[in-house]
Amino acid sequence: MPSAFQFQCHFILIFLAASKGETRYLEVRDAGEDEPFLLLSEDLKRELSAGQIYRRSLRCIDMLSIEGQFTFTAEQPQLHCATFFIGEPEELITIDYDFVNIDCQGGDFLKVFDGWILKGEKFPSSLDHPLPTFQRYVDFCDSGNIQRSIRSSQNVAMIFFRIHQPGNGFTVTIKKNANLFPCNVISQTPSGRFTMVIPHQHRNCSFSIIYPVVIKISDLILGHLNGLFLKKPSAGCAGVGDFVELLGGTGLDPSKMFPLADLCHSFHGSAQMKIGCDNTVLRMVSSGKHINRVTFEYRQLDLQETENRKENSIEEFCFPI
């Protein structure tokens, strides 16, 4: 059976558990068959010709992976609503307010969050995002016409909102922009291949795969400067400013996951690991002194591999297989 975390991410059946205070987070409802994962299909993307704008109404709980114009109109008081946006790894998301009719004085709100929040856990984590947490929230009721266009720092973003009066609502236009050096990414698919490059930047980058997976690293360059490889310590990654770590867990926040492996030596070849966790993260830590690069591919563990994990009585823990 799918885990609770997979229900969170695959069905996005959540409600807003707090409003304007410090404890703003999302919780999970029971999953229902009539509430599918709302990523739009590739067929629809192909059908939309250049210059055509996709338009539709938003649901209270929704998820979108396509550009277009989206409108929410409350038919009844809606107190716990959220829309999740996701792009390709090399895309950033821009949210433009076209029209907003909410009662801020009456307790309504409309907020953008730079990233995703699920059950109190953030992606990217506070350790990996360039902004402090409070700056990742943009509240329309505070900014109004001052900030009507908001761009994400990675391939995911979200809005969450509360509207009391039927007939009130808003319209937003979603656009995607190229990101030359993708850093923090949530994968849309259970399999794929990706190259992460951090060019002389002091930052941490996480690639999140919301499935138990087999992950294979085929190329790792750490401490690359002017064509030379810097000598690394002979054992462990302690004290090394540039390294890659594999993490696994049952939530969204990489900083709360189990460390499974550290890699602090450059190599060309193949290093493979099976990770039976609900969420697997490859995280690169970069000092900013060098050009760091890692290429990896991944695929979801099949049913037999997952069942073998259970037979080994480690299904309650998150360790490499």
Foldseek 3Di string as FASTA:
>chain_A
DDDPLCCCVFQVQWWFDDADDPQTAIEHDDDDPVRGRAEDDPVVVVPQDPPRADEDEDDQEEEYADWHKYKYFAQAWRATGKYKYFYAFFKKKKKAWPWFFADVVVPKWKKKAQADGYPRATPAHCQFDPDHRVVRIDICVVCPPNDRMDMHPGRMMMMIITGHDGGGITMITMDMDGHPARFEHEDPDQWDKDKHKDALDQGKGKYKYQAFKKKKWAWKADCADPNDHDDDDPDDCPPPQKWKWKWAESHDYRVPTDTADIGDDTDGGMDIWGKHHSMMMIMIGHRSPHMIMIIMIMHHDDPVVNVVCVVVVCNVDTYID
